[in-house]
Amino acid sequence: MPAVRWGTGAGAVVVLVATGVWAMWPGQVDARLWSEVRPVIEARLAAENRGTGYGGTVPALEAHWFCRAEALDLDDRGGEVRAGVNTLCVEYGVRDGSLVECGAGQVPQVLRLARTADGGYRVVAREEAPDGAGNARWTKDHFGRVGSAALGRPMSAAALESAARTRFGLPANAPVGDC
């Protein structure tokens, strides 16, 4: 009889743990909505970074920021979208006909977007994790424990390098050097 009770208790624990993981797992992302808001988010990120990196202080580099975002959660509520994203922005320039990386940053962010009159979206608010002591707490509060773990994975810069090569008219296999 005690083995049956122990088995029932263990089964209940497994169900509770599975339910907790399911509740904390990042939400499913609506691919159609993401395809609408992603370009707006990435354009805003690039615009906000303009002039902030080392490359911007050296006009000869013709430096430009390239950004990409990965959706962790996306919530549409009556025309306002909350997008929890992991972002990667890299500043590239050109020196002696070669692509150079002048700065980079990967940052979790929460953006709120509103629908515009023409059916598009515009960013109305943006929050990012603070540097230092408050970073872990902010990230956990905004993305949960499981979502926070997803933020620890490095994002690939391959698509950004490709876009930079295209913008600067460089061959697709041009190497990337340091600024």
N, C-alpha and C. Protein backbone atom coordinates (compact mmCIF):
# COMPACT_ATOMS: atom_id res chain seq x y z
N MET A 1 0.80 -1.21 0.00
CA MET A 1 0.00 0.00 0.00
C MET A 1 0.84 1.28 0.00
N PRO A 2 1.93 1.36 0.82
CA PRO A 2 2.76 2.57 0.81
C PRO A 2 3.37 2.83 -0.55
N ALA A 3 3.72 1.79 -1.30
CA ALA A 3 4.31 1.98 -2.63
C ALA A 3 3.31 2.64 -3.58
N VAL A 4 2.03 2.31 -3.44
CA VAL A 4 0.99 2.91 -4.28
C VAL A 4 0.88 4.40 -3.96
N ARG A 5 0.89 4.74 -2.69
CA ARG A 5 0.80 6.16 -2.29
C ARG A 5 2.03 6.92 -2.78
N TRP A 6 3.21 6.30 -2.64
CA TRP A 6 4.43 6.95 -3.10
C TRP A 6 4.37 7.17 -4.60
N GLY A 7 3.90 6.19 -5.34
CA GLY A 7 3.77 6.29 -6.80
C GLY A 7 2.79 7.39 -7.19
N THR A 8 1.67 7.48 -6.47
CA THR A 8 0.68 8.52 -6.74
C THR A 8 1.28 9.90 -6.46
N GLY A 9 2.01 10.00 -5.36
CA GLY A 9 2.64 11.28 -5.01
C GLY A 9 3.68 11.69 -6.05
N ALA A 10 4.49 10.73 -6.49
CA ALA A 10 5.50 11.02 -7.50
C ALA A 10 4.84 11.44 -8.81
N GLY A 11 3.75 10.77 -9.16
CA GLY A 11 3.01 11.15 -10.38
C GLY A 11 2.47 12.57 -10.28
N ALA A 12 1.96 12.92 -9.11
CA ALA A 12 1.42 14.28 -8.91
C ALA A 12 2.53 15.32 -9.05
N VAL A 13 3.71 15.01 -8.51
CA VAL A 13 4.84 15.94 -8.62
C VAL A 13 5.22 16.13 -10.08
N VAL A 14 5.26 15.06 -10.85
CA VAL A 14 5.60 15.15 -12.27
C VAL A 14 4.60 16.04 -13.00
N VAL A 15 3.31 15.86 -12.72
CA VAL A 15 2.27 16.69 -13.36
C VAL A 15 2.45 18.16 -12.97
N LEU A 16 2.72 18.43 -11.71
CA LEU A 16 2.91 19.82 -11.27
C LEU A 16 4.13 20.46 -11.93
N VAL A 17 5.22 19.73 -12.00
CA VAL A 17 6.43 20.27 -12.64
C VAL A 17 6.17 20.53 -14.12
N ALA A 18 5.55 19.58 -14.80
CA ALA A 18 5.25 19.75 -16.23
C ALA A 18 4.34 20.95 -16.45
N THR A 19 3.35 21.13 -15.58
CA THR A 19 2.44 22.28 -15.69
C THR A 19 3.20 23.58 -15.48
N GLY A 20 4.10 23.61 -14.52
CA GLY A 20 4.90 24.81 -14.26
C GLY A 20 5.79 25.17 -15.43
N VAL A 21 6.44 24.19 -16.02
CA VAL A 21 7.29 24.44 -17.19
C VAL A 21 6.46 24.94 -18.34
N TRP A 22 5.30 24.32 -18.57
CA TRP A 22 4.42 24.76 -19.66
C TRP A 22 3.97 26.20 -19.45
N ALA A 23 3.62 26.57 -18.22
CA ALA A 23 3.15 27.92 -17.93
C ALA A 23 4.25 28.96 -18.10
N MET A 24 5.50 28.57 -17.85
CA MET A 24 6.60 29.53 -17.96
C MET A 24 7.22 29.56 -19.35
N TRP A 25 6.91 28.61 -20.20
CA TRP A 25 7.51 28.54 -21.52
C TRP A 25 7.07 29.73 -22.35
N PRO A 26 7.96 30.34 -23.14
CA PRO A 26 7.58 31.48 -23.96
C PRO A 26 6.41 31.11 -24.88
N GLY A 27 5.52 32.07 -25.09
CA GLY A 27 4.35 31.83 -25.91
C GLY A 27 4.68 31.55 -27.36
N GLN A 28 3.74 30.94 -28.04
CA GLN A 28 3.91 30.71 -29.46
C GLN A 28 3.87 32.06 -30.18
N VAL A 29 4.68 32.18 -31.20
CA VAL A 29 4.77 33.44 -31.93
C VAL A 29 3.96 33.32 -33.22
N ASP A 30 3.04 34.24 -33.42
CA ASP A 30 2.23 34.30 -34.64
C ASP A 30 3.15 34.76 -35.78
N ALA A 31 3.43 33.85 -36.71
CA ALA A 31 4.39 34.13 -37.79
C ALA A 31 3.94 35.29 -38.67
N ARG A 32 2.64 35.38 -38.95
CA ARG A 32 2.14 36.48 -39.78
C ARG A 32 2.35 37.82 -39.10
N LEU A 33 1.98 37.91 -37.83
CA LEU A 33 2.15 39.16 -37.08
C LEU A 33 3.63 39.50 -36.95
N TRP A 34 4.48 38.50 -36.67
CA TRP A 34 5.91 38.75 -36.55
C TRP A 34 6.48 39.30 -37.85
N SER A 35 6.02 38.78 -38.99
CA SER A 35 6.52 39.28 -40.28
C SER A 35 6.12 40.74 -40.51
N GLU A 36 5.05 41.19 -39.87
CA GLU A 36 4.62 42.60 -39.99
C GLU A 36 5.39 43.52 -39.06
N VAL A 37 5.65 43.07 -37.83
CA VAL A 37 6.28 43.97 -36.85
C VAL A 37 7.81 43.89 -36.85
N ARG A 38 8.36 42.78 -37.30
CA ARG A 38 9.82 42.61 -37.26
C ARG A 38 10.56 43.71 -38.03
N PRO A 39 10.20 44.04 -39.28
CA PRO A 39 10.94 45.10 -39.98
C PRO A 39 10.86 46.45 -39.26
N VAL A 40 9.74 46.73 -38.63
CA VAL A 40 9.58 47.99 -37.89
C VAL A 40 10.51 48.00 -36.68
N ILE A 41 10.56 46.89 -35.97
CA ILE A 41 11.42 46.78 -34.79
C ILE A 41 12.89 46.91 -35.19
N GLU A 42 13.30 46.18 -36.22
CA GLU A 42 14.70 46.21 -36.63
C GLU A 42 15.12 47.58 -37.16
N ALA A 43 14.24 48.26 -37.88
CA ALA A 43 14.54 49.61 -38.36
C ALA A 43 14.69 50.58 -37.19
N ARG A 44 13.84 50.45 -36.18
CA ARG A 44 13.91 51.31 -35.00
C ARG A 44 15.23 51.08 -34.25
N LEU A 45 15.62 49.82 -34.11
CA LEU A 45 16.87 49.51 -33.42
C LEU A 45 18.07 50.13 -34.14
N ALA A 46 18.11 49.98 -35.46
CA ALA A 46 19.23 50.53 -36.24
C ALA A 46 19.25 52.05 -36.13
N ALA A 47 18.07 52.68 -36.19
CA ALA A 47 18.00 54.15 -36.10
C ALA A 47 18.47 54.64 -34.73
N GLU A 48 18.10 53.93 -33.67
CA GLU A 48 18.49 54.35 -32.32
C GLU A 48 19.99 54.16 -32.06
N ASN A 49 20.61 53.23 -32.76
CA ASN A 49 22.04 52.99 -32.58
C ASN A 49 22.91 53.93 -33.41
N ARG A 50 22.32 54.54 -34.44
CA ARG A 50 23.08 55.40 -35.34
C ARG A 50 23.88 56.44 -34.55
N GLY A 51 25.18 56.49 -34.84
CA GLY A 51 26.04 57.49 -34.20
C GLY A 51 26.54 57.11 -32.83
N THR A 52 26.25 55.89 -32.37
CA THR A 52 26.64 55.52 -31.01
C THR A 52 27.90 54.68 -30.94
N GLY A 53 28.39 54.17 -32.05
CA GLY A 53 29.55 53.29 -32.03
C GLY A 53 30.82 54.00 -32.46
N TYR A 54 31.92 53.29 -32.33
CA TYR A 54 33.22 53.83 -32.72
C TYR A 54 33.23 54.22 -34.19
N GLY A 55 32.62 53.40 -35.03
CA GLY A 55 32.61 53.66 -36.47
C GLY A 55 32.01 55.01 -36.83
N GLY A 56 31.06 55.47 -36.04
CA GLY A 56 30.44 56.77 -36.29
C GLY A 56 31.38 57.93 -36.06
N THR A 57 32.46 57.70 -35.33
CA THR A 57 33.43 58.77 -35.07
C THR A 57 34.51 58.85 -36.15
N VAL A 58 34.49 57.88 -37.07
CA VAL A 58 35.48 57.84 -38.14
C VAL A 58 34.74 57.86 -39.48
N PRO A 59 34.48 59.07 -40.01
CA PRO A 59 33.67 59.17 -41.24
C PRO A 59 34.17 58.33 -42.41
N ALA A 60 35.46 58.12 -42.52
CA ALA A 60 36.02 57.35 -43.64
C ALA A 60 35.53 55.90 -43.65
N LEU A 61 35.09 55.39 -42.51
CA LEU A 61 34.60 54.01 -42.44
C LEU A 61 33.19 53.85 -43.03
N GLU A 62 32.47 54.97 -43.17
CA GLU A 62 31.07 54.92 -43.64
C GLU A 62 30.25 53.92 -42.84
N ALA A 63 30.48 53.87 -41.53
CA ALA A 63 29.86 52.87 -40.67
C ALA A 63 28.34 52.97 -40.66
N HIS A 64 27.73 51.81 -40.50
CA HIS A 64 26.27 51.69 -40.48
C HIS A 64 25.90 50.56 -39.52
N TRP A 65 24.80 50.74 -38.78
CA TRP A 65 24.32 49.71 -37.86
C TRP A 65 23.36 48.79 -38.59
N PHE A 66 23.49 47.49 -38.31
CA PHE A 66 22.59 46.47 -38.83
C PHE A 66 22.04 45.71 -37.62
N CYS A 67 20.73 45.55 -37.57
CA CYS A 67 20.11 44.91 -36.41
C CYS A 67 19.14 43.82 -36.83
N ARG A 68 19.05 42.82 -35.96
CA ARG A 68 18.04 41.78 -36.14
C ARG A 68 17.42 41.45 -34.79
N ALA A 69 16.20 40.99 -34.84
CA ALA A 69 15.48 40.64 -33.62
C ALA A 69 14.90 39.24 -33.76
N GLU A 70 14.90 38.52 -32.65
CA GLU A 70 14.26 37.21 -32.58
C GLU A 70 13.14 37.32 -31.56
N ALA A 71 11.93 36.93 -31.97
CA ALA A 71 10.77 37.01 -31.07
C ALA A 71 10.82 35.90 -30.04
N LEU A 72 10.66 36.26 -28.79
CA LEU A 72 10.51 35.29 -27.72
C LEU A 72 9.04 35.16 -27.34
N ASP A 73 8.33 36.29 -27.37
CA ASP A 73 6.88 36.26 -27.18
C ASP A 73 6.28 37.45 -27.90
N LEU A 74 5.06 37.26 -28.34
CA LEU A 74 4.36 38.27 -29.13
C LEU A 74 2.90 38.23 -28.72
N ASP A 75 2.37 39.37 -28.30
CA ASP A 75 1.00 39.41 -27.82
C ASP A 75 0.27 40.58 -28.46
N ASP A 76 -0.79 40.28 -29.19
CA ASP A 76 -1.60 41.31 -29.87
C ASP A 76 -2.88 41.51 -29.07
N ARG A 77 -3.06 42.71 -28.57
CA ARG A 77 -4.26 43.02 -27.79
C ARG A 77 -4.91 44.28 -28.32
N GLY A 78 -5.87 44.09 -29.20
CA GLY A 78 -6.67 45.22 -29.69
C GLY A 78 -5.88 46.33 -30.34
N GLY A 79 -5.01 45.98 -31.26
CA GLY A 79 -4.26 47.01 -31.97
C GLY A 79 -2.93 47.38 -31.36
N GLU A 80 -2.64 46.90 -30.13
CA GLU A 80 -1.33 47.13 -29.54
C GLU A 80 -0.62 45.78 -29.42
N VAL A 81 0.62 45.75 -29.85
CA VAL A 81 1.40 44.52 -29.82
C VAL A 81 2.53 44.68 -28.81
N ARG A 82 2.67 43.68 -27.95
CA ARG A 82 3.82 43.61 -27.04
C ARG A 82 4.74 42.56 -27.62
N ALA A 83 5.98 42.96 -27.90
CA ALA A 83 6.96 42.04 -28.47
C ALA A 83 8.14 41.92 -27.52
N GLY A 84 8.32 40.73 -26.97
CA GLY A 84 9.50 40.42 -26.16
C GLY A 84 10.53 39.83 -27.11
N VAL A 85 11.66 40.49 -27.27
CA VAL A 85 12.63 40.08 -28.29
C VAL A 85 14.05 40.03 -27.74
N ASN A 86 14.85 39.24 -28.41
CA ASN A 86 16.29 39.25 -28.20
C ASN A 86 16.85 39.97 -29.42
N THR A 87 17.70 40.95 -29.22
CA THR A 87 18.18 41.75 -30.35
C THR A 87 19.70 41.67 -30.46
N LEU A 88 20.15 41.74 -31.69
CA LEU A 88 21.58 41.81 -31.98
C LEU A 88 21.78 42.95 -32.96
N CYS A 89 22.62 43.90 -32.58
CA CYS A 89 22.98 45.01 -33.47
C CYS A 89 24.49 45.03 -33.62
N VAL A 90 24.94 45.18 -34.87
CA VAL A 90 26.37 45.21 -35.16
C VAL A 90 26.66 46.41 -36.06
N GLU A 91 27.70 47.15 -35.72
CA GLU A 91 28.13 48.28 -36.53
C GLU A 91 29.25 47.82 -37.45
N TYR A 92 29.01 47.94 -38.77
CA TYR A 92 30.01 47.58 -39.77
C TYR A 92 30.42 48.82 -40.54
N GLY A 93 31.66 48.79 -41.00
CA GLY A 93 32.19 49.84 -41.86
C GLY A 93 33.09 49.21 -42.90
N VAL A 94 33.72 50.05 -43.70
CA VAL A 94 34.63 49.57 -44.74
C VAL A 94 35.96 50.28 -44.59
N ARG A 95 37.03 49.50 -44.60
CA ARG A 95 38.39 50.06 -44.56
C ARG A 95 39.21 49.33 -45.63
N ASP A 96 39.78 50.10 -46.54
CA ASP A 96 40.61 49.55 -47.61
C ASP A 96 39.90 48.43 -48.37
N GLY A 97 38.62 48.62 -48.65
CA GLY A 97 37.85 47.64 -49.41
C GLY A 97 37.48 46.39 -48.65
N SER A 98 37.66 46.39 -47.32
CA SER A 98 37.30 45.23 -46.50
C SER A 98 36.24 45.61 -45.48
N LEU A 99 35.39 44.65 -45.17
CA LEU A 99 34.36 44.86 -44.15
C LEU A 99 35.00 44.77 -42.77
N VAL A 100 34.66 45.73 -41.90
CA VAL A 100 35.17 45.72 -40.53
C VAL A 100 34.01 45.86 -39.56
N GLU A 101 34.12 45.15 -38.44
CA GLU A 101 33.12 45.24 -37.37
C GLU A 101 33.61 46.22 -36.33
N CYS A 102 32.81 47.26 -36.07
CA CYS A 102 33.25 48.32 -35.16
C CYS A 102 32.58 48.27 -33.79
N GLY A 103 31.51 47.56 -33.65
CA GLY A 103 30.82 47.46 -32.37
C GLY A 103 29.66 46.49 -32.49
N ALA A 104 29.21 45.98 -31.35
CA ALA A 104 28.10 45.03 -31.35
C ALA A 104 27.49 44.94 -29.97
N GLY A 105 26.24 44.52 -29.93
CA GLY A 105 25.57 44.30 -28.67
C GLY A 105 24.35 43.41 -28.85
N GLN A 106 24.18 42.47 -27.91
CA GLN A 106 23.00 41.61 -27.88
C GLN A 106 22.24 41.94 -26.61
N VAL A 107 20.98 42.38 -26.77
CA VAL A 107 20.22 42.90 -25.64
C VAL A 107 18.77 42.41 -25.70
N PRO A 108 18.23 41.90 -24.58
CA PRO A 108 16.80 41.59 -24.55
C PRO A 108 16.01 42.88 -24.42
N GLN A 109 14.88 42.94 -25.11
CA GLN A 109 14.05 44.14 -25.08
C GLN A 109 12.57 43.78 -25.14
N VAL A 110 11.76 44.70 -24.65
CA VAL A 110 10.31 44.60 -24.80
C VAL A 110 9.87 45.86 -25.53
N LEU A 111 9.19 45.67 -26.65
CA LEU A 111 8.70 46.81 -27.42
C LEU A 111 7.18 46.75 -27.49
N ARG A 112 6.58 47.90 -27.51
CA ARG A 112 5.13 48.00 -27.71
C ARG A 112 4.93 48.74 -29.02
N LEU A 113 4.06 48.18 -29.84
CA LEU A 113 3.80 48.75 -31.15
C LEU A 113 2.30 49.02 -31.28
N ALA A 114 1.97 50.09 -31.98
CA ALA A 114 0.56 50.43 -32.23
C ALA A 114 0.32 50.40 -33.73
N ARG A 115 -0.89 50.01 -34.09
CA ARG A 115 -1.27 49.98 -35.50
C ARG A 115 -1.43 51.41 -36.00
N THR A 116 -0.94 51.66 -37.21
CA THR A 116 -1.06 52.99 -37.83
C THR A 116 -2.29 53.03 -38.73
N ALA A 117 -2.64 54.22 -39.17
CA ALA A 117 -3.83 54.40 -40.01
C ALA A 117 -3.71 53.63 -41.33
N ASP A 118 -2.50 53.44 -41.83
CA ASP A 118 -2.32 52.73 -43.10
C ASP A 118 -2.20 51.21 -42.93
N GLY A 119 -2.43 50.72 -41.70
CA GLY A 119 -2.41 49.29 -41.45
C GLY A 119 -1.07 48.73 -41.02
N GLY A 120 -0.04 49.58 -40.97
CA GLY A 120 1.28 49.14 -40.52
C GLY A 120 1.38 49.26 -39.01
N TYR A 121 2.59 49.31 -38.53
CA TYR A 121 2.85 49.46 -37.09
C TYR A 121 3.92 50.49 -36.86
N ARG A 122 3.92 51.06 -35.65
CA ARG A 122 4.99 51.96 -35.22
C ARG A 122 5.31 51.64 -33.77
N VAL A 123 6.56 51.78 -33.41
CA VAL A 123 6.99 51.52 -32.04
C VAL A 123 6.58 52.71 -31.18
N VAL A 124 5.87 52.42 -30.08
CA VAL A 124 5.45 53.49 -29.18
C VAL A 124 6.19 53.46 -27.85
N ALA A 125 6.81 52.34 -27.52
CA ALA A 125 7.58 52.25 -26.28
C ALA A 125 8.60 51.13 -26.42
N ARG A 126 9.73 51.31 -25.73
CA ARG A 126 10.78 50.30 -25.76
C ARG A 126 11.47 50.27 -24.41
N GLU A 127 11.65 49.06 -23.87
CA GLU A 127 12.37 48.86 -22.62
C GLU A 127 13.48 47.86 -22.86
N GLU A 128 14.60 48.06 -22.21
CA GLU A 128 15.65 47.05 -22.27
C GLU A 128 16.21 46.83 -20.88
N ALA A 129 16.83 45.69 -20.72
CA ALA A 129 17.41 45.34 -19.43
C ALA A 129 18.49 46.34 -19.05
N PRO A 130 18.52 46.75 -17.80
CA PRO A 130 19.56 47.68 -17.37
C PRO A 130 20.91 46.95 -17.27
N ASP A 131 21.98 47.72 -17.37
CA ASP A 131 23.30 47.15 -17.15
C ASP A 131 23.48 46.91 -15.66
N GLY A 132 24.28 45.94 -15.32
CA GLY A 132 24.65 45.73 -13.92
C GLY A 132 23.68 44.90 -13.13
N ALA A 133 23.55 45.28 -11.87
CA ALA A 133 22.84 44.46 -10.88
C ALA A 133 21.38 44.18 -11.22
N GLY A 134 20.68 45.09 -11.85
CA GLY A 134 19.26 44.90 -12.12
C GLY A 134 18.96 44.07 -13.35
N ASN A 135 19.98 43.70 -14.11
CA ASN A 135 19.78 43.00 -15.37
C ASN A 135 19.06 41.66 -15.20
N ALA A 136 19.55 40.80 -14.33
CA ALA A 136 18.97 39.46 -14.16
C ALA A 136 17.52 39.55 -13.68
N ARG A 137 17.24 40.44 -12.77
CA ARG A 137 15.88 40.59 -12.23
C ARG A 137 14.93 41.09 -13.31
N TRP A 138 15.35 42.11 -14.07
CA TRP A 138 14.51 42.66 -15.15
C TRP A 138 14.21 41.57 -16.17
N THR A 139 15.24 40.83 -16.56
CA THR A 139 15.07 39.78 -17.57
C THR A 139 14.11 38.71 -17.08
N LYS A 140 14.25 38.28 -15.85
CA LYS A 140 13.35 37.25 -15.30
C LYS A 140 11.92 37.79 -15.21
N ASP A 141 11.76 39.05 -14.78
CA ASP A 141 10.42 39.64 -14.66
C ASP A 141 9.73 39.77 -16.01
N HIS A 142 10.49 40.06 -17.06
CA HIS A 142 9.90 40.30 -18.38
C HIS A 142 9.81 39.07 -19.27
N PHE A 143 10.63 38.05 -19.00
CA PHE A 143 10.66 36.88 -19.87
C PHE A 143 10.47 35.56 -19.14
N GLY A 144 10.40 35.56 -17.82
CA GLY A 144 10.27 34.32 -17.06
C GLY A 144 11.59 33.58 -17.02
N ARG A 145 11.61 32.50 -16.27
CA ARG A 145 12.85 31.74 -16.10
C ARG A 145 13.27 31.04 -17.39
N VAL A 146 12.32 30.42 -18.08
CA VAL A 146 12.65 29.69 -19.30
C VAL A 146 13.00 30.66 -20.43
N GLY A 147 12.24 31.76 -20.57
CA GLY A 147 12.56 32.76 -21.59
C GLY A 147 13.91 33.39 -21.35
N SER A 148 14.25 33.60 -20.08
CA SER A 148 15.56 34.17 -19.75
C SER A 148 16.68 33.24 -20.18
N ALA A 149 16.47 31.95 -20.06
CA ALA A 149 17.48 30.99 -20.49
C ALA A 149 17.71 31.09 -22.00
N ALA A 150 16.65 31.34 -22.76
CA ALA A 150 16.78 31.48 -24.22
C ALA A 150 17.61 32.71 -24.58
N LEU A 151 17.59 33.72 -23.74
CA LEU A 151 18.35 34.94 -24.00
C LEU A 151 19.85 34.74 -23.85
N GLY A 152 20.27 33.69 -23.18
CA GLY A 152 21.69 33.45 -22.97
C GLY A 152 22.41 32.90 -24.19
N ARG A 153 21.65 32.43 -25.17
CA ARG A 153 22.28 31.87 -26.38
C ARG A 153 22.74 33.01 -27.28
N PRO A 154 23.97 32.94 -27.78
CA PRO A 154 24.43 33.98 -28.70
C PRO A 154 23.67 33.91 -30.03
N MET A 155 23.38 35.06 -30.58
CA MET A 155 22.69 35.15 -31.87
C MET A 155 23.74 35.20 -32.98
N SER A 156 23.43 34.62 -34.11
CA SER A 156 24.33 34.62 -35.25
C SER A 156 24.29 35.97 -35.96
N ALA A 157 25.45 36.44 -36.36
CA ALA A 157 25.56 37.70 -37.10
C ALA A 157 25.67 37.47 -38.61
N ALA A 158 25.53 36.23 -39.06
CA ALA A 158 25.72 35.90 -40.48
C ALA A 158 24.83 36.72 -41.41
N ALA A 159 23.55 36.86 -41.08
CA ALA A 159 22.64 37.63 -41.93
C ALA A 159 23.01 39.11 -41.93
N LEU A 160 23.48 39.61 -40.80
CA LEU A 160 23.89 41.01 -40.72
C LEU A 160 25.16 41.25 -41.54
N GLU A 161 26.10 40.30 -41.47
CA GLU A 161 27.32 40.41 -42.27
C GLU A 161 26.98 40.43 -43.76
N SER A 162 26.06 39.57 -44.14
CA SER A 162 25.64 39.51 -45.54
C SER A 162 25.00 40.82 -45.99
N ALA A 163 24.13 41.37 -45.15
CA ALA A 163 23.48 42.65 -45.47
C ALA A 163 24.52 43.77 -45.56
N ALA A 164 25.52 43.74 -44.69
CA ALA A 164 26.58 44.76 -44.72
C ALA A 164 27.42 44.64 -45.99
N ARG A 165 27.75 43.42 -46.36
CA ARG A 165 28.52 43.23 -47.61
C ARG A 165 27.74 43.79 -48.80
N THR A 166 26.45 43.50 -48.84
CA THR A 166 25.60 44.00 -49.93
C THR A 166 25.57 45.52 -49.92
N ARG A 167 25.35 46.12 -48.75
CA ARG A 167 25.27 47.58 -48.66
C ARG A 167 26.55 48.25 -49.12
N PHE A 168 27.69 47.66 -48.78
CA PHE A 168 28.97 48.26 -49.13
C PHE A 168 29.52 47.77 -50.47
N GLY A 169 28.75 46.93 -51.17
CA GLY A 169 29.17 46.45 -52.48
C GLY A 169 30.36 45.52 -52.45
N LEU A 170 30.47 44.72 -51.42
CA LEU A 170 31.58 43.79 -51.26
C LEU A 170 31.17 42.39 -51.70
N PRO A 171 32.11 41.56 -52.08
CA PRO A 171 31.79 40.18 -52.47
C PRO A 171 31.17 39.41 -51.29
N ALA A 172 30.36 38.43 -51.60
CA ALA A 172 29.66 37.65 -50.57
C ALA A 172 30.61 36.92 -49.63
N ASN A 173 31.81 36.65 -50.05
CA ASN A 173 32.75 35.94 -49.20
C ASN A 173 33.81 36.86 -48.58
N ALA A 174 33.60 38.15 -48.64
CA ALA A 174 34.56 39.10 -48.07
C ALA A 174 34.68 38.85 -46.55
N PRO A 175 35.91 38.72 -46.06
CA PRO A 175 36.08 38.46 -44.62
C PRO A 175 35.72 39.70 -43.79
N VAL A 176 35.48 39.46 -42.52
CA VAL A 176 35.16 40.55 -41.58
C VAL A 176 36.34 40.72 -40.65
N GLY A 177 36.87 41.94 -40.60
CA GLY A 177 37.98 42.24 -39.70
C GLY A 177 37.53 43.14 -38.56
N ASP A 178 38.48 43.47 -37.71
CA ASP A 178 38.19 44.38 -36.59
C ASP A 178 38.37 45.81 -37.04
N CYS A 179 37.58 46.67 -36.47
CA CYS A 179 37.60 48.09 -36.78
C CYS A 179 38.92 48.67 -36.35
